[in-house]
Amino acid sequence: MELLLVCAMVALVARFVSRPLRRPAAAGEATGHVRSLEEARDVKLREIRDAELDLRTGKLAADDHRLLDARLRAEAVELLRALDAAREEERA
């Protein structure tokens, strides 16, 4: 009888301790998704700064910079929108 009681207690403790590991996968994926979007945002902002530096140092013509800057900023806006949506989804 004591052995059965000890086994039941061990099973309950094991279940309690492993509870964080048994959370739904979607919660972990959302956090990873947000993290990857934040990293992509940071990379895009660096690309914009690099293009501005290239313009100032003369490595990039003004017309080329204008086209590149417009494309990079449009991509940054899309990333920011996706990041906002992912954060909202994570909160829900």
PDB file of N, CA and C in Angstrom:
ATOM      1  N   MET A   1       0.826  -1.190   0.000  1.00  0.00           N
ATOM      2  CA  MET A   1       0.000   0.000   0.000  1.00  0.00           C
ATOM      3  C   MET A   1       0.875   1.260   0.000  1.00  0.00           C
ATOM      4  N   GLU A   2       1.944   1.244   0.782  1.00  0.00           N
ATOM      5  CA  GLU A   2       2.829   2.399   0.832  1.00  0.00           C
ATOM      6  C   GLU A   2       3.505   2.610  -0.515  1.00  0.00           C
ATOM      7  N   LEU A   3       3.874   1.526  -1.180  1.00  0.00           N
ATOM      8  CA  LEU A   3       4.511   1.631  -2.490  1.00  0.00           C
ATOM      9  C   LEU A   3       3.568   2.295  -3.491  1.00  0.00           C
ATOM     10  N   LEU A   4       2.305   1.959  -3.464  1.00  0.00           N
ATOM     11  CA  LEU A   4       1.309   2.551  -4.350  1.00  0.00           C
ATOM     12  C   LEU A   4       1.162   4.050  -4.075  1.00  0.00           C
ATOM     13  N   LEU A   5       1.147   4.421  -2.821  1.00  0.00           N
ATOM     14  CA  LEU A   5       1.042   5.825  -2.437  1.00  0.00           C
ATOM     15  C   LEU A   5       2.278   6.615  -2.897  1.00  0.00           C
ATOM     16  N   VAL A   6       3.458   6.046  -2.744  1.00  0.00           N
ATOM     17  CA  VAL A   6       4.693   6.693  -3.183  1.00  0.00           C
ATOM     18  C   VAL A   6       4.691   6.853  -4.699  1.00  0.00           C
ATOM     19  N   CYS A   7       4.262   5.840  -5.422  1.00  0.00           N
ATOM     20  CA  CYS A   7       4.203   5.922  -6.895  1.00  0.00           C
ATOM     21  C   CYS A   7       3.225   7.005  -7.338  1.00  0.00           C
ATOM     22  N   ALA A   8       2.091   7.103  -6.675  1.00  0.00           N
ATOM     23  CA  ALA A   8       1.102   8.131  -7.014  1.00  0.00           C
ATOM     24  C   ALA A   8       1.670   9.526  -6.763  1.00  0.00           C
ATOM     25  N   MET A   9       2.379   9.694  -5.661  1.00  0.00           N
ATOM     26  CA  MET A   9       2.980  10.989  -5.349  1.00  0.00           C
ATOM     27  C   MET A   9       4.059  11.357  -6.382  1.00  0.00           C
ATOM     28  N   VAL A  10       4.872  10.390  -6.755  1.00  0.00           N
ATOM     29  CA  VAL A  10       5.911  10.631  -7.761  1.00  0.00           C
ATOM     30  C   VAL A  10       5.267  11.012  -9.093  1.00  0.00           C
ATOM     31  N   ALA A  11       4.189  10.348  -9.463  1.00  0.00           N
ATOM     32  CA  ALA A  11       3.491  10.652 -10.716  1.00  0.00           C
ATOM     33  C   ALA A  11       2.920  12.067 -10.687  1.00  0.00           C
ATOM     34  N   LEU A  12       2.351  12.483  -9.572  1.00  0.00           N
ATOM     35  CA  LEU A  12       1.805  13.831  -9.458  1.00  0.00           C
ATOM     36  C   LEU A  12       2.904  14.891  -9.527  1.00  0.00           C
ATOM     37  N   VAL A  13       3.992  14.641  -8.851  1.00  0.00           N
ATOM     38  CA  VAL A  13       5.108  15.588  -8.894  1.00  0.00           C
ATOM     39  C   VAL A  13       5.674  15.671 -10.317  1.00  0.00           C
ATOM     40  N   ALA A  14       5.830  14.548 -10.972  1.00  0.00           N
ATOM     41  CA  ALA A  14       6.355  14.535 -12.341  1.00  0.00           C
ATOM     42  C   ALA A  14       5.419  15.291 -13.283  1.00  0.00           C
ATOM     43  N   ARG A  15       4.135  15.113 -13.118  1.00  0.00           N
ATOM     44  CA  ARG A  15       3.162  15.818 -13.958  1.00  0.00           C
ATOM     45  C   ARG A  15       3.235  17.325 -13.716  1.00  0.00           C
ATOM     46  N   PHE A  16       3.355  17.733 -12.462  1.00  0.00           N
ATOM     47  CA  PHE A  16       3.431  19.148 -12.130  1.00  0.00           C
ATOM     48  C   PHE A  16       4.719  19.777 -12.670  1.00  0.00           C
ATOM     49  N   VAL A  17       5.821  19.089 -12.500  1.00  0.00           N
ATOM     50  CA  VAL A  17       7.109  19.617 -12.943  1.00  0.00           C
ATOM     51  C   VAL A  17       7.182  19.701 -14.466  1.00  0.00           C
ATOM     52  N   SER A  18       6.591  18.779 -15.168  1.00  0.00           N
ATOM     53  CA  SER A  18       6.672  18.763 -16.633  1.00  0.00           C
ATOM     54  C   SER A  18       5.588  19.622 -17.291  1.00  0.00           C
ATOM     55  N   ARG A  19       4.747  20.265 -16.528  1.00  0.00           N
ATOM     56  CA  ARG A  19       3.655  21.053 -17.090  1.00  0.00           C
ATOM     57  C   ARG A  19       4.124  22.146 -18.053  1.00  0.00           C
ATOM     58  N   PRO A  20       5.159  22.903 -17.736  1.00  0.00           N
ATOM     59  CA  PRO A  20       5.596  23.918 -18.711  1.00  0.00           C
ATOM     60  C   PRO A  20       6.048  23.332 -20.043  1.00  0.00           C
ATOM     61  N   LEU A  21       6.526  22.118 -20.027  1.00  0.00           N
ATOM     62  CA  LEU A  21       6.983  21.477 -21.257  1.00  0.00           C
ATOM     63  C   LEU A  21       5.834  21.001 -22.126  1.00  0.00           C
ATOM     64  N   ARG A  22       4.662  20.864 -21.536  1.00  0.00           N
ATOM     65  CA  ARG A  22       3.510  20.345 -22.270  1.00  0.00           C
ATOM     66  C   ARG A  22       2.578  21.425 -22.763  1.00  0.00           C
ATOM     67  N   ARG A  23       3.026  22.693 -22.786  1.00  0.00           N
ATOM     68  CA  ARG A  23       2.190  23.786 -23.290  1.00  0.00           C
ATOM     69  C   ARG A  23       1.983  23.606 -24.778  1.00  0.00           C
ATOM     70  N   PRO A  24       0.926  24.192 -25.314  1.00  0.00           N
ATOM     71  CA  PRO A  24       0.695  24.077 -26.758  1.00  0.00           C
ATOM     72  C   PRO A  24       1.857  24.659 -27.553  1.00  0.00           C
ATOM     73  N   ALA A  25       2.157  24.052 -28.665  1.00  0.00           N
ATOM     74  CA  ALA A  25       3.274  24.484 -29.501  1.00  0.00           C
ATOM     75  C   ALA A  25       3.032  25.861 -30.104  1.00  0.00           C
ATOM     76  N   ALA A  26       1.784  26.247 -30.317  1.00  0.00           N
ATOM     77  CA  ALA A  26       1.479  27.521 -30.959  1.00  0.00           C
ATOM     78  C   ALA A  26       2.021  28.698 -30.164  1.00  0.00           C
ATOM     79  N   ALA A  27       1.997  28.623 -28.865  1.00  0.00           N
ATOM     80  CA  ALA A  27       2.499  29.733 -28.049  1.00  0.00           C
ATOM     81  C   ALA A  27       3.990  29.915 -28.279  1.00  0.00           C
ATOM     82  N   GLY A  28       4.740  28.845 -28.350  1.00  0.00           N
ATOM     83  CA  GLY A  28       6.168  28.930 -28.607  1.00  0.00           C
ATOM     84  C   GLY A  28       6.467  29.404 -30.012  1.00  0.00           C
ATOM     85  N   GLU A  29       5.661  29.000 -30.970  1.00  0.00           N
ATOM     86  CA  GLU A  29       5.869  29.414 -32.350  1.00  0.00           C
ATOM     87  C   GLU A  29       5.624  30.904 -32.524  1.00  0.00           C
ATOM     88  N   ALA A  30       4.608  31.424 -31.840  1.00  0.00           N
ATOM     89  CA  ALA A  30       4.309  32.851 -31.968  1.00  0.00           C
ATOM     90  C   ALA A  30       5.478  33.667 -31.451  1.00  0.00           C
ATOM     91  N   THR A  31       6.038  33.277 -30.337  1.00  0.00           N
ATOM     92  CA  THR A  31       7.171  34.000 -29.786  1.00  0.00           C
ATOM     93  C   THR A  31       8.351  33.926 -30.742  1.00  0.00           C
ATOM     94  N   GLY A  32       8.602  32.764 -31.296  1.00  0.00           N
ATOM     95  CA  GLY A  32       9.681  32.622 -32.270  1.00  0.00           C
ATOM     96  C   GLY A  32       9.422  33.437 -33.524  1.00  0.00           C
ATOM     97  N   HIS A  33       8.163  33.498 -33.931  1.00  0.00           N
ATOM     98  CA  HIS A  33       7.792  34.266 -35.117  1.00  0.00           C
ATOM     99  C   HIS A  33       8.015  35.755 -34.867  1.00  0.00           C
ATOM    100  N   VAL A  34       7.612  36.235 -33.701  1.00  0.00           N
ATOM    101  CA  VAL A  34       7.822  37.638 -33.346  1.00  0.00           C
ATOM    102  C   VAL A  34       9.316  37.941 -33.315  1.00  0.00           C
ATOM    103  N   ARG A  35      10.059  37.045 -32.717  1.00  0.00           N
ATOM    104  CA  ARG A  35      11.514  37.242 -32.629  1.00  0.00           C
ATOM    105  C   ARG A  35      12.144  37.315 -34.019  1.00  0.00           C
ATOM    106  N   SER A  36      11.732  36.450 -34.924  1.00  0.00           N
ATOM    107  CA  SER A  36      12.307  36.467 -36.274  1.00  0.00           C
ATOM    108  C   SER A  36      11.900  37.731 -37.029  1.00  0.00           C
ATOM    109  N   LEU A  37      10.679  38.218 -36.802  1.00  0.00           N
ATOM    110  CA  LEU A  37      10.260  39.470 -37.431  1.00  0.00           C
ATOM    111  C   LEU A  37      11.040  40.659 -36.880  1.00  0.00           C
ATOM    112  N   GLU A  38      11.323  40.639 -35.592  1.00  0.00           N
ATOM    113  CA  GLU A  38      12.134  41.714 -34.995  1.00  0.00           C
ATOM    114  C   GLU A  38      13.543  41.717 -35.579  1.00  0.00           C
ATOM    115  N   GLU A  39      14.100  40.537 -35.768  1.00  0.00           N
ATOM    116  CA  GLU A  39      15.432  40.442 -36.368  1.00  0.00           C
ATOM    117  C   GLU A  39      15.417  40.938 -37.809  1.00  0.00           C
ATOM    118  N   ALA A  40      14.375  40.568 -38.555  1.00  0.00           N
ATOM    119  CA  ALA A  40      14.257  41.027 -39.943  1.00  0.00           C
ATOM    120  C   ALA A  40      14.096  42.544 -39.997  1.00  0.00           C
ATOM    121  N   ARG A  41      13.342  43.115 -39.049  1.00  0.00           N
ATOM    122  CA  ARG A  41      13.182  44.568 -38.973  1.00  0.00           C
ATOM    123  C   ARG A  41      14.530  45.249 -38.734  1.00  0.00           C
ATOM    124  N   ASP A  42      15.297  44.710 -37.800  1.00  0.00           N
ATOM    125  CA  ASP A  42      16.605  45.295 -37.495  1.00  0.00           C
ATOM    126  C   ASP A  42      17.533  45.246 -38.701  1.00  0.00           C
ATOM    127  N   VAL A  43      17.505  44.141 -39.418  1.00  0.00           N
ATOM    128  CA  VAL A  43      18.335  44.009 -40.623  1.00  0.00           C
ATOM    129  C   VAL A  43      17.907  45.032 -41.674  1.00  0.00           C
ATOM    130  N   LYS A  44      16.602  45.192 -41.847  1.00  0.00           N
ATOM    131  CA  LYS A  44      16.099  46.135 -42.846  1.00  0.00           C
ATOM    132  C   LYS A  44      16.484  47.569 -42.490  1.00  0.00           C
ATOM    133  N   LEU A  45      16.407  47.924 -41.211  1.00  0.00           N
ATOM    134  CA  LEU A  45      16.795  49.277 -40.792  1.00  0.00           C
ATOM    135  C   LEU A  45      18.291  49.517 -41.012  1.00  0.00           C
ATOM    136  N   ARG A  46      19.102  48.488 -40.800  1.00  0.00           N
ATOM    137  CA  ARG A  46      20.537  48.609 -41.096  1.00  0.00           C
ATOM    138  C   ARG A  46      20.775  48.817 -42.586  1.00  0.00           C
ATOM    139  N   GLU A  47      20.000  48.119 -43.413  1.00  0.00           N
ATOM    140  CA  GLU A  47      20.133  48.289 -44.863  1.00  0.00           C
ATOM    141  C   GLU A  47      19.797  49.721 -45.274  1.00  0.00           C
ATOM    142  N   ILE A  48      18.764  50.296 -44.647  1.00  0.00           N
ATOM    143  CA  ILE A  48      18.390  51.681 -44.951  1.00  0.00           C
ATOM    144  C   ILE A  48      19.517  52.631 -44.536  1.00  0.00           C
ATOM    145  N   ARG A  49      20.067  52.422 -43.351  1.00  0.00           N
ATOM    146  CA  ARG A  49      21.176  53.279 -42.894  1.00  0.00           C
ATOM    147  C   ARG A  49      22.406  53.120 -43.795  1.00  0.00           C
ATOM    148  N   ASP A  50      22.681  51.885 -44.211  1.00  0.00           N
ATOM    149  CA  ASP A  50      23.826  51.646 -45.099  1.00  0.00           C
ATOM    150  C   ASP A  50      23.643  52.351 -46.440  1.00  0.00           C
ATOM    151  N   ALA A  51      22.418  52.335 -46.957  1.00  0.00           N
ATOM    152  CA  ALA A  51      22.150  53.015 -48.225  1.00  0.00           C
ATOM    153  C   ALA A  51      22.340  54.525 -48.073  1.00  0.00           C
ATOM    154  N   GLU A  52      21.914  55.073 -46.933  1.00  0.00           N
ATOM    155  CA  GLU A  52      22.115  56.507 -46.694  1.00  0.00           C
ATOM    156  C   GLU A  52      23.603  56.845 -46.596  1.00  0.00           C
ATOM    157  N   LEU A  53      24.351  55.982 -45.943  1.00  0.00           N
ATOM    158  CA  LEU A  53      25.795  56.189 -45.838  1.00  0.00           C
ATOM    159  C   LEU A  53      26.452  56.104 -47.214  1.00  0.00           C
ATOM    160  N   ASP A  54      26.009  55.141 -48.024  1.00  0.00           N
ATOM    161  CA  ASP A  54      26.547  55.010 -49.381  1.00  0.00           C
ATOM    162  C   ASP A  54      26.263  56.263 -50.209  1.00  0.00           C
ATOM    163  N   LEU A  55      25.098  56.869 -50.015  1.00  0.00           N
ATOM    164  CA  LEU A  55      24.768  58.102 -50.719  1.00  0.00           C
ATOM    165  C   LEU A  55      25.701  59.227 -50.274  1.00  0.00           C
ATOM    166  N   ARG A  56      25.902  59.362 -48.968  1.00  0.00           N
ATOM    167  CA  ARG A  56      26.744  60.438 -48.438  1.00  0.00           C
ATOM    168  C   ARG A  56      28.214  60.280 -48.827  1.00  0.00           C
ATOM    169  N   THR A  57      28.666  59.046 -48.932  1.00  0.00           N
ATOM    170  CA  THR A  57      30.074  58.826 -49.281  1.00  0.00           C
ATOM    171  C   THR A  57      30.302  58.793 -50.788  1.00  0.00           C
ATOM    172  N   GLY A  58      29.230  58.896 -51.559  1.00  0.00           N
ATOM    173  CA  GLY A  58      29.373  58.937 -53.009  1.00  0.00           C
ATOM    174  C   GLY A  58      29.408  57.574 -53.675  1.00  0.00           C
ATOM    175  N   LYS A  59      29.177  56.520 -52.938  1.00  0.00           N
ATOM    176  CA  LYS A  59      29.171  55.178 -53.528  1.00  0.00           C
ATOM    177  C   LYS A  59      27.884  54.896 -54.298  1.00  0.00           C
ATOM    178  N   LEU A  60      26.850  55.715 -54.033  1.00  0.00           N
ATOM    179  CA  LEU A  60      25.545  55.493 -54.639  1.00  0.00           C
ATOM    180  C   LEU A  60      25.039  56.818 -55.191  1.00  0.00           C
ATOM    181  N   ALA A  61      24.581  56.800 -56.444  1.00  0.00           N
ATOM    182  CA  ALA A  61      24.024  58.007 -57.065  1.00  0.00           C
ATOM    183  C   ALA A  61      22.677  58.336 -56.420  1.00  0.00           C
ATOM    184  N   ALA A  62      22.301  59.606 -56.481  1.00  0.00           N
ATOM    185  CA  ALA A  62      21.060  60.059 -55.846  1.00  0.00           C
ATOM    186  C   ALA A  62      19.834  59.346 -56.425  1.00  0.00           C
ATOM    187  N   ASP A  63      19.807  59.168 -57.749  1.00  0.00           N
ATOM    188  CA  ASP A  63      18.661  58.481 -58.371  1.00  0.00           C
ATOM    189  C   ASP A  63      18.582  57.023 -57.922  1.00  0.00           C
ATOM    190  N   ASP A  64      19.737  56.376 -57.883  1.00  0.00           N
ATOM    191  CA  ASP A  64      19.765  54.982 -57.428  1.00  0.00           C
ATOM    192  C   ASP A  64      19.353  54.889 -55.962  1.00  0.00           C
ATOM    193  N   HIS A  65      19.821  55.849 -55.170  1.00  0.00           N
ATOM    194  CA  HIS A  65      19.457  55.843 -53.752  1.00  0.00           C
ATOM    195  C   HIS A  65      17.956  56.024 -53.564  1.00  0.00           C
ATOM    196  N   ARG A  66      17.370  56.902 -54.339  1.00  0.00           N
ATOM    197  CA  ARG A  66      15.933  57.154 -54.221  1.00  0.00           C
ATOM    198  C   ARG A  66      15.141  55.873 -54.486  1.00  0.00           C
ATOM    199  N   LEU A  67      15.516  55.149 -55.534  1.00  0.00           N
ATOM    200  CA  LEU A  67      14.817  53.897 -55.858  1.00  0.00           C
ATOM    201  C   LEU A  67      15.054  52.835 -54.781  1.00  0.00           C
ATOM    202  N   LEU A  68      16.301  52.696 -54.366  1.00  0.00           N
ATOM    203  CA  LEU A  68      16.639  51.714 -53.340  1.00  0.00           C
ATOM    204  C   LEU A  68      15.962  52.044 -52.010  1.00  0.00           C
ATOM    205  N   ASP A  69      15.995  53.330 -51.646  1.00  0.00           N
ATOM    206  CA  ASP A  69      15.398  53.751 -50.383  1.00  0.00           C
ATOM    207  C   ASP A  69      13.891  53.503 -50.376  1.00  0.00           C
ATOM    208  N   ALA A  70      13.234  53.789 -51.479  1.00  0.00           N
ATOM    209  CA  ALA A  70      11.779  53.558 -51.559  1.00  0.00           C
ATOM    210  C   ALA A  70      11.464  52.072 -51.385  1.00  0.00           C
ATOM    211  N   ARG A  71      12.244  51.223 -52.045  1.00  0.00           N
ATOM    212  CA  ARG A  71      12.007  49.782 -51.927  1.00  0.00           C
ATOM    213  C   ARG A  71      12.270  49.289 -50.510  1.00  0.00           C
ATOM    214  N   LEU A  72      13.392  49.716 -49.919  1.00  0.00           N
ATOM    215  CA  LEU A  72      13.734  49.270 -48.568  1.00  0.00           C
ATOM    216  C   LEU A  72      12.710  49.748 -47.541  1.00  0.00           C
ATOM    217  N   ARG A  73      12.256  50.985 -47.676  1.00  0.00           N
ATOM    218  CA  ARG A  73      11.271  51.512 -46.726  1.00  0.00           C
ATOM    219  C   ARG A  73       9.921  50.814 -46.879  1.00  0.00           C
ATOM    220  N   ALA A  74       9.536  50.468 -48.107  1.00  0.00           N
ATOM    221  CA  ALA A  74       8.289  49.728 -48.312  1.00  0.00           C
ATOM    222  C   ALA A  74       8.386  48.345 -47.667  1.00  0.00           C
ATOM    223  N   GLU A  75       9.538  47.706 -47.804  1.00  0.00           N
ATOM    224  CA  GLU A  75       9.736  46.405 -47.162  1.00  0.00           C
ATOM    225  C   GLU A  75       9.727  46.544 -45.638  1.00  0.00           C
ATOM    226  N   ALA A  76      10.308  47.628 -45.127  1.00  0.00           N
ATOM    227  CA  ALA A  76      10.320  47.863 -43.681  1.00  0.00           C
ATOM    228  C   ALA A  76       8.903  48.068 -43.150  1.00  0.00           C
ATOM    229  N   VAL A  77       8.091  48.809 -43.905  1.00  0.00           N
ATOM    230  CA  VAL A  77       6.701  49.031 -43.485  1.00  0.00           C
ATOM    231  C   VAL A  77       5.952  47.708 -43.421  1.00  0.00           C
ATOM    232  N   GLU A  78       6.139  46.845 -44.408  1.00  0.00           N
ATOM    233  CA  GLU A  78       5.486  45.531 -44.400  1.00  0.00           C
ATOM    234  C   GLU A  78       5.939  44.700 -43.203  1.00  0.00           C
ATOM    235  N   LEU A  79       7.224  44.759 -42.907  1.00  0.00           N
ATOM    236  CA  LEU A  79       7.732  44.028 -41.740  1.00  0.00           C
ATOM    237  C   LEU A  79       7.130  44.554 -40.447  1.00  0.00           C
ATOM    238  N   LEU A  80       7.015  45.871 -40.336  1.00  0.00           N
ATOM    239  CA  LEU A  80       6.427  46.453 -39.132  1.00  0.00           C
ATOM    240  C   LEU A  80       4.961  46.075 -38.981  1.00  0.00           C
ATOM    241  N   ARG A  81       4.248  46.056 -40.091  1.00  0.00           N
ATOM    242  CA  ARG A  81       2.834  45.631 -40.039  1.00  0.00           C
ATOM    243  C   ARG A  81       2.719  44.166 -39.621  1.00  0.00           C
ATOM    244  N   ALA A  82       3.571  43.332 -40.187  1.00  0.00           N
ATOM    245  CA  ALA A  82       3.559  41.914 -39.822  1.00  0.00           C
ATOM    246  C   ALA A  82       3.937  41.726 -38.355  1.00  0.00           C
ATOM    247  N   LEU A  83       4.881  42.518 -37.887  1.00  0.00           N
ATOM    248  CA  LEU A  83       5.301  42.438 -36.485  1.00  0.00           C
ATOM    249  C   LEU A  83       4.175  42.868 -35.558  1.00  0.00           C
ATOM    250  N   ASP A  84       3.477  43.942 -35.896  1.00  0.00           N
ATOM    251  CA  ASP A  84       2.330  44.378 -35.090  1.00  0.00           C
ATOM    252  C   ASP A  84       1.255  43.305 -35.039  1.00  0.00           C
ATOM    253  N   ALA A  85       0.969  42.699 -36.198  1.00  0.00           N
ATOM    254  CA  ALA A  85      -0.059  41.660 -36.247  1.00  0.00           C
ATOM    255  C   ALA A  85       0.370  40.443 -35.428  1.00  0.00           C
ATOM    256  N   ALA A  86       1.629  40.070 -35.497  1.00  0.00           N
ATOM    257  CA  ALA A  86       2.114  38.911 -34.739  1.00  0.00           C
ATOM    258  C   ALA A  86       2.059  39.187 -33.242  1.00  0.00           C
ATOM    259  N   ARG A  87       2.390  40.401 -32.846  1.00  0.00           N
ATOM    260  CA  ARG A  87       2.315  40.741 -31.417  1.00  0.00           C
ATOM    261  C   ARG A  87       0.870  40.725 -30.932  1.00  0.00           C
ATOM    262  N   GLU A  88      -0.049  41.236 -31.742  1.00  0.00           N
ATOM    263  CA  GLU A  88      -1.469  41.206 -31.376  1.00  0.00           C
ATOM    264  C   GLU A  88      -1.965  39.766 -31.252  1.00  0.00           C
ATOM    265  N   GLU A  89      -1.551  38.942 -32.185  1.00  0.00           N
ATOM    266  CA  GLU A  89      -1.954  37.535 -32.159  1.00  0.00           C
ATOM    267  C   GLU A  89      -1.385  36.837 -30.922  1.00  0.00           C
ATOM    268  N   GLU A  90      -0.178  37.212 -30.551  1.00  0.00           N
ATOM    269  CA  GLU A  90       0.459  36.609 -29.378  1.00  0.00           C
ATOM    270  C   GLU A  90      -0.279  36.997 -28.092  1.00  0.00           C
ATOM    271  N   ARG A  91      -0.755  38.248 -28.036  1.00  0.00           N
ATOM    272  CA  ARG A  91      -1.495  38.706 -26.864  1.00  0.00           C
ATOM    273  C   ARG A  91      -2.847  38.021 -26.718  1.00  0.00           C
ATOM    274  N   ALA A  92      -3.439  37.671 -27.845  1.00  0.00           N
ATOM    275  CA  ALA A  92      -4.784  37.060 -27.829  1.00  0.00           C
ATOM    276  C   ALA A  92      -4.753  35.622 -27.375  1.00  0.00           C
TER     277      ALA A  92
END
